[in-house]
Amino acid sequence: MLKDKVTIINEDCNIALKSICEDINWNKNRAILFLDPYTTEVEWNTLKIVAATIAIDVWYLFPFLRN
Protein backbone atom coordinates (compact mmCIF):
# COMPACT_ATOMS: atom_id res chain seq x y z
CA MET A 1 0.00 0.00 0.00
CA LEU A 2 1.32 3.44 -0.89
CA LYS A 3 1.19 6.26 1.59
CA ASP A 4 1.07 9.74 0.09
CA LYS A 5 2.38 12.31 2.50
CA VAL A 6 3.49 15.90 2.09
CA THR A 7 4.83 17.76 5.09
CA ILE A 8 5.50 21.48 5.25
CA ILE A 9 7.85 22.54 8.04
CA ASN A 10 8.31 26.21 8.90
CA GLU A 11 11.67 26.03 10.65
CA ASP A 12 15.35 26.69 9.96
CA CYS A 13 16.14 24.28 7.12
CA ASN A 14 19.44 23.10 8.60
CA ILE A 15 17.84 22.13 11.90
CA ALA A 16 14.80 20.53 10.26
CA LEU A 17 16.78 18.54 7.68
CA LYS A 18 19.21 17.17 10.26
CA SER A 19 16.29 16.11 12.44
CA ILE A 20 14.45 14.47 9.54
CA CYS A 21 17.56 12.60 8.42
CA GLU A 22 18.12 11.23 11.93
CA ASP A 23 14.48 10.35 12.73
CA ILE A 24 13.43 8.41 9.62
CA ASN A 25 14.42 4.88 8.61
CA TRP A 26 15.85 5.56 5.13
CA ASN A 27 16.03 1.85 4.29
CA LYS A 28 12.24 1.92 3.85
CA ASN A 29 11.55 5.51 2.75
CA ARG A 30 12.42 7.93 -0.04
CA ALA A 31 12.17 11.69 -0.36
CA ILE A 32 12.74 14.60 -2.73
CA LEU A 33 14.32 17.82 -1.50
CA PHE A 34 13.75 20.91 -3.65
CA LEU A 35 16.21 23.79 -3.16
CA ASP A 36 15.04 27.24 -4.18
CA PRO A 37 17.89 29.33 -5.66
CA TYR A 38 16.50 32.57 -4.26
CA THR A 39 16.23 31.55 -0.63
CA THR A 40 18.61 28.62 -0.20
CA GLU A 41 20.50 28.78 3.08
CA VAL A 42 21.40 25.11 3.38
CA GLU A 43 24.83 24.55 4.91
CA TRP A 44 27.31 22.20 3.23
CA ASN A 45 27.35 19.93 6.31
CA THR A 46 23.57 19.61 6.09
CA LEU A 47 23.82 18.54 2.44
CA LYS A 48 26.40 15.92 3.42
CA ILE A 49 23.96 14.53 6.02
CA VAL A 50 21.19 14.45 3.38
CA ALA A 51 23.52 12.67 0.92
CA ALA A 52 24.43 10.06 3.53
CA THR A 53 20.82 8.83 3.59
CA ILE A 54 21.19 7.71 -0.06
CA ALA A 55 17.38 7.91 -0.19
CA ILE A 56 16.82 11.65 -0.62
CA ASP A 57 16.99 13.09 -4.13
CA VAL A 58 18.09 16.73 -4.14
CA TRP A 59 16.75 18.96 -6.91
CA TYR A 60 18.31 22.39 -7.20
CA LEU A 61 15.84 24.63 -9.03
CA PHE A 62 17.18 27.11 -11.58
CA PRO A 63 15.23 30.19 -12.62
CA PHE A 64 14.13 30.41 -16.24
CA LEU A 65 14.86 33.87 -17.57
CA ARG A 66 13.40 35.24 -20.78
CA ASN A 67 14.84 38.16 -22.70
PDB file of N, CA and C in Angstrom:
ATOM      1  N   MET A   1       0.841  -1.176   0.000  1.00  0.00           N
ATOM      2  CA  MET A   1       0.000   0.000   0.000  1.00  0.00           C
ATOM      3  C   MET A   1       0.890   1.245   0.000  1.00  0.00           C
ATOM      4  N   LEU A   2       0.568   2.200  -0.836  1.00  0.00           N
ATOM      5  CA  LEU A   2       1.324   3.445  -0.893  1.00  0.00           C
ATOM      6  C   LEU A   2       0.742   4.456   0.073  1.00  0.00           C
ATOM      7  N   LYS A   3       1.618   5.167   0.720  1.00  0.00           N
ATOM      8  CA  LYS A   3       1.194   6.265   1.585  1.00  0.00           C
ATOM      9  C   LYS A   3       1.659   7.561   0.949  1.00  0.00           C
ATOM     10  N   ASP A   4       0.724   8.422   0.630  1.00  0.00           N
ATOM     11  CA  ASP A   4       1.068   9.736   0.092  1.00  0.00           C
ATOM     12  C   ASP A   4       1.115  10.712   1.252  1.00  0.00           C
ATOM     13  N   LYS A   5       2.246  11.391   1.383  1.00  0.00           N
ATOM     14  CA  LYS A   5       2.376  12.314   2.495  1.00  0.00           C
ATOM     15  C   LYS A   5       3.245  13.495   2.082  1.00  0.00           C
ATOM     16  N   VAL A   6       2.734  14.670   2.312  1.00  0.00           N
ATOM     17  CA  VAL A   6       3.490  15.897   2.093  1.00  0.00           C
ATOM     18  C   VAL A   6       3.508  16.638   3.418  1.00  0.00           C
ATOM     19  N   THR A   7       4.690  17.046   3.836  1.00  0.00           N
ATOM     20  CA  THR A   7       4.828  17.764   5.090  1.00  0.00           C
ATOM     21  C   THR A   7       5.491  19.105   4.823  1.00  0.00           C
ATOM     22  N   ILE A   8       4.910  20.148   5.355  1.00  0.00           N
ATOM     23  CA  ILE A   8       5.502  21.484   5.252  1.00  0.00           C
ATOM     24  C   ILE A   8       5.975  21.869   6.648  1.00  0.00           C
ATOM     25  N   ILE A   9       7.251  22.194   6.752  1.00  0.00           N
ATOM     26  CA  ILE A   9       7.849  22.539   8.038  1.00  0.00           C
ATOM     27  C   ILE A   9       8.347  23.976   7.962  1.00  0.00           C
ATOM     28  N   ASN A  10       7.887  24.814   8.849  1.00  0.00           N
ATOM     29  CA  ASN A  10       8.305  26.214   8.897  1.00  0.00           C
ATOM     30  C   ASN A  10       9.338  26.362  10.012  1.00  0.00           C
ATOM     31  N   GLU A  11      10.588  26.053   9.667  1.00  0.00           N
ATOM     32  CA  GLU A  11      11.673  26.034  10.648  1.00  0.00           C
ATOM     33  C   GLU A  11      12.979  26.258   9.885  1.00  0.00           C
ATOM     34  N   ASP A  12      14.040  26.573  10.592  1.00  0.00           N
ATOM     35  CA  ASP A  12      15.350  26.687   9.957  1.00  0.00           C
ATOM     36  C   ASP A  12      15.652  25.377   9.230  1.00  0.00           C
ATOM     37  N   CYS A  13      15.988  25.477   7.942  1.00  0.00           N
ATOM     38  CA  CYS A  13      16.144  24.275   7.125  1.00  0.00           C
ATOM     39  C   CYS A  13      17.263  23.362   7.621  1.00  0.00           C
ATOM     40  N   ASN A  14      18.333  23.928   8.140  1.00  0.00           N
ATOM     41  CA  ASN A  14      19.441  23.102   8.597  1.00  0.00           C
ATOM     42  C   ASN A  14      19.045  22.266   9.812  1.00  0.00           C
ATOM     43  N   ILE A  15      18.310  22.855  10.725  1.00  0.00           N
ATOM     44  CA  ILE A  15      17.842  22.127  11.904  1.00  0.00           C
ATOM     45  C   ILE A  15      16.823  21.065  11.508  1.00  0.00           C
ATOM     46  N   ALA A  16      15.860  21.456  10.666  1.00  0.00           N
ATOM     47  CA  ALA A  16      14.801  20.533  10.260  1.00  0.00           C
ATOM     48  C   ALA A  16      15.364  19.354   9.463  1.00  0.00           C
ATOM     49  N   LEU A  17      16.236  19.618   8.498  1.00  0.00           N
ATOM     50  CA  LEU A  17      16.780  18.540   7.680  1.00  0.00           C
ATOM     51  C   LEU A  17      17.614  17.567   8.496  1.00  0.00           C
ATOM     52  N   LYS A  18      18.422  18.070   9.409  1.00  0.00           N
ATOM     53  CA  LYS A  18      19.214  17.173  10.258  1.00  0.00           C
ATOM     54  C   LYS A  18      18.305  16.290  11.090  1.00  0.00           C
ATOM     55  N   SER A  19      17.248  16.861  11.640  1.00  0.00           N
ATOM     56  CA  SER A  19      16.290  16.105  12.444  1.00  0.00           C
ATOM     57  C   SER A  19      15.588  15.039  11.610  1.00  0.00           C
ATOM     58  N   ILE A  20      15.138  15.412  10.416  1.00  0.00           N
ATOM     59  CA  ILE A  20      14.454  14.471   9.538  1.00  0.00           C
ATOM     60  C   ILE A  20      15.381  13.319   9.157  1.00  0.00           C
ATOM     61  N   CYS A  21      16.603  13.633   8.820  1.00  0.00           N
ATOM     62  CA  CYS A  21      17.559  12.599   8.418  1.00  0.00           C
ATOM     63  C   CYS A  21      17.851  11.617   9.552  1.00  0.00           C
ATOM     64  N   GLU A  22      17.841  12.093  10.774  1.00  0.00           N
ATOM     65  CA  GLU A  22      18.116  11.231  11.926  1.00  0.00           C
ATOM     66  C   GLU A  22      16.905  10.415  12.356  1.00  0.00           C
ATOM     67  N   ASP A  23      15.697  10.958  12.174  1.00  0.00           N
ATOM     68  CA  ASP A  23      14.483  10.345  12.733  1.00  0.00           C
ATOM     69  C   ASP A  23      13.808   9.313  11.838  1.00  0.00           C
ATOM     70  N   ILE A  24      14.141   9.281  10.561  1.00  0.00           N
ATOM     71  CA  ILE A  24      13.433   8.408   9.623  1.00  0.00           C
ATOM     72  C   ILE A  24      14.329   7.243   9.215  1.00  0.00           C
ATOM     73  N   ASN A  25      13.714   6.069   9.091  1.00  0.00           N
ATOM     74  CA  ASN A  25      14.420   4.882   8.610  1.00  0.00           C
ATOM     75  C   ASN A  25      14.525   4.973   7.086  1.00  0.00           C
ATOM     76  N   TRP A  26      15.675   5.322   6.559  1.00  0.00           N
ATOM     77  CA  TRP A  26      15.847   5.555   5.129  1.00  0.00           C
ATOM     78  C   TRP A  26      16.023   4.274   4.344  1.00  0.00           C
ATOM     79  N   ASN A  27      16.034   3.126   5.013  1.00  0.00           N
ATOM     80  CA  ASN A  27      16.033   1.851   4.292  1.00  0.00           C
ATOM     81  C   ASN A  27      14.649   1.552   3.725  1.00  0.00           C
ATOM     82  N   LYS A  28      13.619   2.200   4.268  1.00  0.00           N
ATOM     83  CA  LYS A  28      12.241   1.921   3.854  1.00  0.00           C
ATOM     84  C   LYS A  28      11.518   3.151   3.321  1.00  0.00           C
ATOM     85  N   ASN A  29      12.190   4.264   3.188  1.00  0.00           N
ATOM     86  CA  ASN A  29      11.554   5.509   2.755  1.00  0.00           C
ATOM     87  C   ASN A  29      12.401   6.221   1.712  1.00  0.00           C
ATOM     88  N   ARG A  30      11.744   7.082   0.932  1.00  0.00           N
ATOM     89  CA  ARG A  30      12.424   7.928  -0.044  1.00  0.00           C
ATOM     90  C   ARG A  30      11.870   9.334   0.084  1.00  0.00           C
ATOM     91  N   ALA A  31      12.626  10.302  -0.437  1.00  0.00           N
ATOM     92  CA  ALA A  31      12.173  11.689  -0.363  1.00  0.00           C
ATOM     93  C   ALA A  31      12.805  12.495  -1.502  1.00  0.00           C
ATOM     94  N   ILE A  32      12.190  13.628  -1.778  1.00  0.00           N
ATOM     95  CA  ILE A  32      12.741  14.598  -2.729  1.00  0.00           C
ATOM     96  C   ILE A  32      12.888  15.916  -1.990  1.00  0.00           C
ATOM     97  N   LEU A  33      14.042  16.533  -2.120  1.00  0.00           N
ATOM     98  CA  LEU A  33      14.324  17.818  -1.497  1.00  0.00           C
ATOM     99  C   LEU A  33      14.524  18.845  -2.602  1.00  0.00           C
ATOM    100  N   PHE A  34      13.641  19.836  -2.660  1.00  0.00           N
ATOM    101  CA  PHE A  34      13.753  20.908  -3.647  1.00  0.00           C
ATOM    102  C   PHE A  34      14.446  22.103  -3.002  1.00  0.00           C
ATOM    103  N   LEU A  35      15.495  22.612  -3.655  1.00  0.00           N
ATOM    104  CA  LEU A  35      16.206  23.788  -3.163  1.00  0.00           C
ATOM    105  C   LEU A  35      15.905  24.973  -4.066  1.00  0.00           C
ATOM    106  N   ASP A  36      15.402  26.020  -3.469  1.00  0.00           N
ATOM    107  CA  ASP A  36      15.039  27.244  -4.176  1.00  0.00           C
ATOM    108  C   ASP A  36      16.275  28.129  -4.292  1.00  0.00           C
ATOM    109  N   PRO A  37      16.669  28.538  -5.499  1.00  0.00           N
ATOM    110  CA  PRO A  37      17.892  29.328  -5.660  1.00  0.00           C
ATOM    111  C   PRO A  37      17.828  30.722  -5.042  1.00  0.00           C
ATOM    112  N   TYR A  38      16.621  31.218  -4.801  1.00  0.00           N
ATOM    113  CA  TYR A  38      16.496  32.569  -4.262  1.00  0.00           C
ATOM    114  C   TYR A  38      16.565  32.615  -2.736  1.00  0.00           C
ATOM    115  N   THR A  39      16.268  31.523  -2.092  1.00  0.00           N
ATOM    116  CA  THR A  39      16.232  31.551  -0.628  1.00  0.00           C
ATOM    117  C   THR A  39      17.012  30.408   0.010  1.00  0.00           C
ATOM    118  N   THR A  40      17.882  29.765  -0.737  1.00  0.00           N
ATOM    119  CA  THR A  40      18.615  28.618  -0.197  1.00  0.00           C
ATOM    120  C   THR A  40      19.649  29.063   0.834  1.00  0.00           C
ATOM    121  N   GLU A  41      19.525  28.521   2.020  1.00  0.00           N
ATOM    122  CA  GLU A  41      20.496  28.780   3.081  1.00  0.00           C
ATOM    123  C   GLU A  41      20.926  27.464   3.717  1.00  0.00           C
ATOM    124  N   VAL A  42      21.013  26.428   2.885  1.00  0.00           N
ATOM    125  CA  VAL A  42      21.402  25.112   3.377  1.00  0.00           C
ATOM    126  C   VAL A  42      22.918  25.068   3.503  1.00  0.00           C
ATOM    127  N   GLU A  43      23.387  24.655   4.657  1.00  0.00           N
ATOM    128  CA  GLU A  43      24.828  24.549   4.906  1.00  0.00           C
ATOM    129  C   GLU A  43      25.384  23.291   4.236  1.00  0.00           C
ATOM    130  N   TRP A  44      26.667  23.336   3.885  1.00  0.00           N
ATOM    131  CA  TRP A  44      27.312  22.195   3.231  1.00  0.00           C
ATOM    132  C   TRP A  44      27.229  20.950   4.108  1.00  0.00           C
ATOM    133  N   ASN A  45      27.435  21.090   5.414  1.00  0.00           N
ATOM    134  CA  ASN A  45      27.354  19.928   6.309  1.00  0.00           C
ATOM    135  C   ASN A  45      25.961  19.308   6.306  1.00  0.00           C
ATOM    136  N   THR A  46      24.936  20.125   6.170  1.00  0.00           N
ATOM    137  CA  THR A  46      23.569  19.613   6.088  1.00  0.00           C
ATOM    138  C   THR A  46      23.395  18.803   4.811  1.00  0.00           C
ATOM    139  N   LEU A  47      23.919  19.299   3.692  1.00  0.00           N
ATOM    140  CA  LEU A  47      23.822  18.541   2.438  1.00  0.00           C
ATOM    141  C   LEU A  47      24.577  17.218   2.521  1.00  0.00           C
ATOM    142  N   LYS A  48      25.666  17.178   3.243  1.00  0.00           N
ATOM    143  CA  LYS A  48      26.400  15.920   3.423  1.00  0.00           C
ATOM    144  C   LYS A  48      25.565  14.922   4.221  1.00  0.00           C
ATOM    145  N   ILE A  49      24.837  15.400   5.226  1.00  0.00           N
ATOM    146  CA  ILE A  49      23.959  14.532   6.017  1.00  0.00           C
ATOM    147  C   ILE A  49      22.826  13.999   5.135  1.00  0.00           C
ATOM    148  N   VAL A  50      22.248  14.861   4.306  1.00  0.00           N
ATOM    149  CA  VAL A  50      21.188  14.446   3.378  1.00  0.00           C
ATOM    150  C   VAL A  50      21.732  13.392   2.413  1.00  0.00           C
ATOM    151  N   ALA A  51      22.913  13.611   1.867  1.00  0.00           N
ATOM    152  CA  ALA A  51      23.515  12.674   0.917  1.00  0.00           C
ATOM    153  C   ALA A  51      23.795  11.318   1.558  1.00  0.00           C
ATOM    154  N   ALA A  52      24.123  11.312   2.827  1.00  0.00           N
ATOM    155  CA  ALA A  52      24.433  10.063   3.531  1.00  0.00           C
ATOM    156  C   ALA A  52      23.227   9.141   3.642  1.00  0.00           C
ATOM    157  N   THR A  53      22.009   9.677   3.521  1.00  0.00           N
ATOM    158  CA  THR A  53      20.819   8.826   3.590  1.00  0.00           C
ATOM    159  C   THR A  53      20.712   7.934   2.356  1.00  0.00           C
ATOM    160  N   ILE A  54      21.247   8.375   1.245  1.00  0.00           N
ATOM    161  CA  ILE A  54      21.192   7.711  -0.061  1.00  0.00           C
ATOM    162  C   ILE A  54      19.752   7.551  -0.548  1.00  0.00           C
ATOM    163  N   ALA A  55      18.789   8.086   0.168  1.00  0.00           N
ATOM    164  CA  ALA A  55      17.383   7.912  -0.186  1.00  0.00           C
ATOM    165  C   ALA A  55      16.693   9.241  -0.499  1.00  0.00           C
ATOM    166  N   ILE A  56      17.404  10.342  -0.354  1.00  0.00           N
ATOM    167  CA  ILE A  56      16.816  11.648  -0.620  1.00  0.00           C
ATOM    168  C   ILE A  56      17.421  12.200  -1.904  1.00  0.00           C
ATOM    169  N   ASP A  57      16.545  12.470  -2.884  1.00  0.00           N
ATOM    170  CA  ASP A  57      16.987  13.089  -4.130  1.00  0.00           C
ATOM    171  C   ASP A  57      16.933  14.601  -3.951  1.00  0.00           C
ATOM    172  N   VAL A  58      18.032  15.273  -4.271  1.00  0.00           N
ATOM    173  CA  VAL A  58      18.094  16.732  -4.143  1.00  0.00           C
ATOM    174  C   VAL A  58      17.947  17.353  -5.530  1.00  0.00           C
ATOM    175  N   TRP A  59      16.977  18.234  -5.669  1.00  0.00           N
ATOM    176  CA  TRP A  59      16.749  18.962  -6.914  1.00  0.00           C
ATOM    177  C   TRP A  59      17.015  20.428  -6.638  1.00  0.00           C
ATOM    178  N   TYR A  60      18.018  20.975  -7.319  1.00  0.00           N
ATOM    179  CA  TYR A  60      18.313  22.393  -7.204  1.00  0.00           C
ATOM    180  C   TYR A  60      17.597  23.099  -8.343  1.00  0.00           C
ATOM    181  N   LEU A  61      16.648  23.951  -8.019  1.00  0.00           N
ATOM    182  CA  LEU A  61      15.836  24.625  -9.033  1.00  0.00           C
ATOM    183  C   LEU A  61      16.577  25.836  -9.591  1.00  0.00           C
ATOM    184  N   PHE A  62      16.560  25.967 -10.917  1.00  0.00           N
ATOM    185  CA  PHE A  62      17.180  27.106 -11.576  1.00  0.00           C
ATOM    186  C   PHE A  62      16.100  27.985 -12.180  1.00  0.00           C
ATOM    187  N   PRO A  63      16.234  29.292 -12.038  1.00  0.00           N
ATOM    188  CA  PRO A  63      15.232  30.185 -12.619  1.00  0.00           C
ATOM    189  C   PRO A  63      15.327  30.185 -14.148  1.00  0.00           C
ATOM    190  N   PHE A  64      14.198  30.304 -14.787  1.00  0.00           N
ATOM    191  CA  PHE A  64      14.130  30.406 -16.236  1.00  0.00           C
ATOM    192  C   PHE A  64      13.929  31.865 -16.597  1.00  0.00           C
ATOM    193  N   LEU A  65      14.921  32.449 -17.229  1.00  0.00           N
ATOM    194  CA  LEU A  65      14.861  33.868 -17.573  1.00  0.00           C
ATOM    195  C   LEU A  65      14.589  34.030 -19.063  1.00  0.00           C
ATOM    196  N   ARG A  66      13.671  34.918 -19.379  1.00  0.00           N
ATOM    197  CA  ARG A  66      13.397  35.244 -20.779  1.00  0.00           C
ATOM    198  C   ARG A  66      13.897  36.644 -21.078  1.00  0.00           C
ATOM    199  N   ASN A  67      14.370  36.836 -22.275  1.00  0.00           N
ATOM    200  CA  ASN A  67      14.839  38.164 -22.697  1.00  0.00           C
ATOM    201  C   ASN A  67      13.698  39.012 -23.173  1.00  0.00           C
TER     202      ASN A  67
END
